[in-house]
Protein backbone atom coordinates (compact mmCIF):
# COMPACT_ATOMS: atom_id res chain seq x y z
CA MET A 1 18.00 6.54 -48.77
CA ARG A 2 17.42 3.34 -50.77
CA ILE A 3 18.46 1.20 -47.78
CA LEU A 4 16.15 3.21 -45.50
CA VAL A 5 13.19 2.59 -47.77
CA CYS A 6 13.90 -1.15 -47.91
CA VAL A 7 14.25 -1.45 -44.13
CA ILE A 8 11.09 0.55 -43.44
CA THR A 9 9.10 -1.40 -46.02
CA PHE A 10 10.24 -4.74 -44.56
CA LEU A 11 9.38 -3.76 -41.00
CA CYS A 12 5.97 -2.41 -41.93
CA VAL A 13 5.05 -5.50 -43.90
CA ALA A 14 6.19 -7.69 -41.02
CA MET A 15 4.06 -5.90 -38.44
CA PRO A 16 1.15 -8.08 -37.31
CA LEU A 17 -2.51 -7.15 -37.02
CA PHE A 18 -4.18 -6.74 -33.66
CA GLY A 19 -3.41 -10.40 -32.92
CA GLY A 20 -6.58 -12.03 -34.14
CA SER A 21 -8.86 -13.08 -36.97
CA ILE A 22 -11.15 -11.02 -39.17
CA ILE A 23 -14.33 -12.88 -40.03
CA VAL A 24 -17.13 -11.66 -42.28
CA GLN A 25 -20.21 -11.77 -40.08
CA ASN A 26 -22.79 -10.67 -42.65
CA THR A 27 -23.14 -8.72 -45.88
CA ASN A 28 -25.90 -6.90 -47.66
CA GLY A 29 -25.90 -5.68 -51.26
CA ASP A 30 -22.71 -5.02 -53.20
CA VAL A 31 -19.76 -6.17 -51.05
CA SER A 32 -16.53 -7.54 -52.50
CA VAL A 33 -12.95 -8.33 -51.58
CA ARG A 34 -9.64 -8.14 -53.37
CA HIS A 35 -7.01 -10.66 -52.28
CA GLY A 36 -3.44 -9.39 -52.12
CA VAL A 37 -2.17 -7.77 -55.29
CA THR A 38 -4.67 -9.44 -57.60
CA GLU A 39 -6.76 -7.18 -59.81
CA GLU A 40 -10.05 -9.04 -59.36
CA TRP A 41 -12.80 -8.09 -56.92
CA VAL A 42 -14.88 -11.10 -55.82
CA ARG A 43 -18.03 -11.41 -53.76
CA VAL A 44 -17.71 -12.22 -50.09
CA ALA A 45 -20.09 -14.15 -47.87
CA ALA A 46 -20.76 -14.62 -44.18
CA GLY A 47 -18.14 -16.87 -42.61
CA ASP A 48 -15.30 -15.86 -44.92
CA VAL A 49 -12.02 -15.30 -43.08
CA LEU A 50 -10.04 -12.31 -44.33
CA LYS A 51 -6.26 -11.98 -44.41
CA PRO A 52 -4.10 -8.90 -43.69
CA ASN A 53 -3.41 -8.33 -47.40
CA ASP A 54 -7.12 -8.36 -48.32
CA THR A 55 -9.13 -5.25 -49.13
CA MET A 56 -12.91 -4.88 -48.76
CA ARG A 57 -15.17 -2.64 -50.78
CA THR A 58 -18.86 -1.82 -50.36
CA GLY A 59 -20.92 -0.35 -53.16
CA LYS A 60 -23.65 2.26 -53.03
CA ASP A 61 -26.11 -0.27 -51.60
CA GLY A 62 -23.58 -2.44 -49.79
CA THR A 63 -22.97 -2.92 -46.07
CA ALA A 64 -21.01 -5.48 -44.10
CA SER A 65 -20.16 -6.48 -40.55
CA LEU A 66 -16.80 -7.89 -39.55
CA MET A 67 -16.02 -9.79 -36.39
CA LEU A 68 -12.59 -8.93 -35.01
CA ARG A 69 -11.50 -11.79 -32.79
CA ASN A 70 -8.44 -11.68 -30.54
CA ASP A 71 -6.99 -15.18 -30.72
CA SER A 72 -5.02 -14.85 -27.49
CA THR A 73 -7.83 -13.59 -25.25
CA SER A 74 -10.90 -14.89 -27.12
CA ALA A 75 -12.33 -11.37 -26.93
CA SER A 76 -14.17 -10.08 -29.98
CA ARG A 77 -15.67 -6.89 -31.31
CA ARG A 78 -17.74 -5.91 -34.30
CA LEU A 79 -16.81 -3.47 -37.04
CA SER A 80 -19.52 -2.24 -39.42
CA LEU A 81 -18.81 -1.06 -42.94
CA PRO A 82 -21.32 1.42 -44.40
CA PRO A 83 -21.91 1.89 -48.14
CA MET A 84 -19.20 3.27 -50.41
CA VAL A 85 -16.04 2.44 -48.49
CA ILE A 86 -12.72 0.78 -49.25
CA VAL A 87 -10.82 -0.60 -46.25
CA ASP A 88 -7.53 -2.49 -46.20
CA MET A 89 -7.58 -5.23 -43.58
CA SER A 90 -3.97 -4.32 -42.77
CA ASP A 91 -5.29 -1.04 -41.37
CA ILE A 92 -7.41 -2.79 -38.75
CA ARG A 93 -4.64 -2.77 -36.18
CA VAL A 94 -3.45 -0.80 -33.17
CA LEU A 95 0.07 0.55 -33.62
CA THR A 96 2.53 1.40 -30.91
CA GLN A 97 3.88 4.94 -31.03
CA GLU A 98 7.18 3.61 -32.35
CA GLU A 99 5.44 1.72 -35.14
CA LEU A 100 3.37 4.79 -35.99
CA MET A 101 6.44 7.01 -36.26
CA LEU A 102 8.18 4.42 -38.46
CA LYS A 103 5.26 4.20 -40.84
CA LEU A 104 4.87 7.98 -40.78
CA THR A 105 8.49 8.23 -41.93
CA MET A 106 7.77 5.74 -44.69
CA GLU A 107 4.83 7.82 -45.91
CA LYS A 108 7.02 10.93 -46.01
CA VAL A 109 9.69 9.03 -47.94
CA ARG A 110 7.10 7.83 -50.44
CA SER A 111 5.93 11.41 -50.92
CA ALA A 112 9.43 12.70 -51.67
CA PRO A 113 9.77 12.01 -55.45
CA GLN A 114 8.27 14.59 -57.80
CA GLN A 115 6.61 16.53 -55.03
CA LYS A 116 4.56 19.63 -55.45
CA LYS A 117 3.06 21.92 -52.84
CA GLN A 118 -0.68 22.26 -52.50
CA ASP A 119 -2.25 23.94 -49.50
CA GLY A 120 0.65 22.94 -47.28
CA LEU A 121 0.64 19.23 -48.18
CA GLU A 122 3.29 17.58 -50.34
CA ILE A 123 1.54 15.44 -52.91
CA SER A 124 2.91 12.99 -55.45
CA ASN A 125 1.62 13.26 -59.01
CA ALA A 126 0.85 9.57 -59.39
CA ALA A 127 1.03 6.35 -57.40
CA VAL A 128 -0.44 2.92 -56.97
CA VAL A 129 -3.46 2.72 -54.67
CA HIS A 130 -3.60 -0.67 -52.97
CA GLY A 131 -7.04 -2.19 -53.03
CA THR A 132 -8.52 -0.06 -55.80
CA GLY A 133 -7.83 -2.10 -58.87
CA GLY A 134 -4.98 0.12 -60.09
CA ASN A 135 -2.19 -1.49 -62.05
CA SER A 136 1.46 -1.92 -61.13
CA LYS A 137 2.58 0.89 -63.44
CA GLY A 138 0.86 3.49 -61.29
CA LYS A 139 -2.42 5.32 -61.47
CA THR A 140 -3.06 9.02 -61.75
CA ALA A 141 -5.34 9.92 -58.88
CA GLU A 142 -7.59 12.27 -60.82
CA ASN A 143 -8.58 9.47 -63.23
CA ASP A 144 -11.15 8.10 -60.79
CA PRO A 145 -12.15 10.52 -58.02
CA GLN A 146 -14.72 8.02 -56.76
CA ILE A 147 -11.89 5.79 -55.55
CA GLY A 148 -10.60 8.66 -53.46
CA ARG A 149 -14.01 9.18 -51.87
CA PHE A 150 -14.33 5.46 -51.11
CA LEU A 151 -10.87 5.43 -49.50
CA LEU A 152 -11.62 8.57 -47.49
CA ASN A 153 -14.85 7.00 -46.25
CA GLY A 154 -12.81 3.96 -45.26
CA THR A 155 -10.50 6.11 -43.13
CA LYS A 156 -13.54 7.50 -41.34
CA VAL A 157 -14.53 3.94 -40.43
CA LEU A 158 -11.06 3.36 -39.00
CA LEU A 159 -11.18 6.54 -36.93
CA GLU A 160 -14.69 5.89 -35.65
CA ASN A 161 -13.56 2.48 -34.42
CA GLY A 162 -10.48 3.69 -32.57
CA PHE A 163 -7.81 2.92 -35.19
CA SER A 164 -6.51 6.49 -35.12
CA ALA A 165 -2.90 5.68 -36.06
CA THR A 166 -3.68 3.71 -39.21
CA GLY A 167 -6.47 6.18 -39.97
CA VAL A 168 -3.98 9.05 -39.99
CA LEU A 169 -1.57 7.17 -42.24
CA ARG A 170 -4.28 6.16 -44.68
CA MET A 171 -5.73 9.66 -44.86
CA MET A 172 -2.31 11.13 -45.56
CA GLN A 173 -1.94 8.66 -48.42
CA VAL A 174 -5.36 9.50 -49.79
CA PHE A 175 -4.57 13.22 -49.77
CA ARG A 176 -1.26 12.54 -51.49
CA LEU A 177 -2.92 10.54 -54.23
CA PHE A 178 -6.09 12.60 -54.58
CA PRO A 179 -5.11 16.28 -54.25
CA SER A 180 -8.64 17.60 -54.72
CA LEU A 181 -9.73 15.98 -51.46
CA ALA A 182 -6.95 17.77 -49.60
CA SER A 183 -8.44 21.18 -50.41
CA VAL A 184 -11.65 20.52 -48.45
CA PHE A 185 -11.59 22.09 -44.98
CA ASP A 186 -13.64 19.37 -43.26
CA HIS A 187 -11.41 16.64 -44.67
CA ARG A 188 -8.26 18.33 -43.44
CA LEU A 189 -9.85 19.04 -40.06
CA LEU A 190 -10.58 15.35 -39.69
CA LEU A 191 -6.92 14.56 -40.34
CA ALA A 192 -5.67 17.13 -37.83
CA GLU A 193 -8.06 15.88 -35.16
CA ALA A 194 -6.99 12.30 -35.86
CA MET A 195 -3.36 13.35 -35.42
CA GLU A 196 -4.25 14.73 -32.00
CA GLU A 197 -5.98 11.47 -31.12
CA ALA A 198 -2.89 9.55 -32.22
CA ASN A 199 -0.65 11.69 -29.97
CA LEU A 200 1.03 13.36 -32.93
CA LYS A 201 1.07 16.81 -31.37
CA GLY A 202 3.73 18.32 -33.60
CA GLU A 203 2.14 16.97 -36.76
CA ALA A 204 -1.28 18.25 -35.65
CA ILE A 205 0.08 21.75 -35.06
CA ALA A 206 1.72 21.71 -38.48
CA GLU A 207 -1.48 20.50 -40.12
CA TYR A 208 -3.62 23.16 -38.45
CA GLY A 209 -1.05 25.73 -39.55
CA ALA A 210 -1.14 24.46 -43.14
CA MET A 211 -4.92 24.69 -43.11
CA THR A 212 -4.77 28.42 -42.41
CA ARG A 213 -3.46 28.76 -45.98
CA LEU A 214 -6.51 27.12 -47.53
CA GLU A 215 -8.50 29.42 -49.79
CA GLY A 216 -11.95 30.70 -48.87
CA LEU A 217 -11.79 30.16 -45.12
CA THR A 218 -14.53 31.80 -43.06
CA SER A 219 -13.81 33.85 -39.96
CA ALA A 220 -15.17 31.02 -37.82
CA GLN A 221 -12.86 28.51 -39.47
CA LYS A 222 -9.83 30.76 -39.01
CA ASP A 223 -10.69 31.27 -35.34
CA LEU A 224 -11.10 27.51 -34.88
CA LEU A 225 -7.67 26.82 -36.33
CA GLN A 226 -5.95 29.47 -34.22
CA ASN A 227 -7.66 28.17 -31.07
CA ARG A 228 -6.59 24.59 -31.82
CA ILE A 229 -2.99 25.67 -32.41
CA ALA A 230 -2.92 27.74 -29.23
CA ALA A 231 -4.35 24.87 -27.17
CA LEU A 232 -1.75 22.41 -28.46
CA ARG A 233 1.12 24.78 -27.75
CA LYS A 234 0.24 25.17 -24.07
């Protein structure tokens, strides 16, 4: 198991981004970046070039626009960050199905120690959240629920811009680290739908099934889940 973790970690770190540069096009209000594993958040400005190990954060009044430039084709596209998000630049990438399955395995391996069941998800009691200012000794998720909301908002940005694979992986991590977010029906529905988008049919069926065990579901929500499961099993 130890060898498996090392191999998976090496491969995932070595995976490139979408093949281009990430340039800060403009910012407004509270927008900052954390470089690598440093603990300091610093202001960013238009023209700054971001690296794969950077993390961006927008505050309550902060917005930013990133230019994603493909160095091989010279094509570019814009990605807008709304207020109150945290996004790792390493998540702005399109994964192959093989890469997705490898990273999905890594996430499951990371969830294995000290697991506990909650609404069908296996969630670790504590872990380091990259890009949030946590320390290397680990951070209990419940200590700062705002971080969880910022990270969840960041996954929504990924999904809205077509990065369904990395969006799924990031959302699974957020739910593992912030259990309270995993008990919200709409949050879990977003994950299941993202799994469908990422061609993770089996995982989507399992997630919809786990959601049927959430407390306080309405009749409409139960019917929705059963219909989604039935449609995927056809």
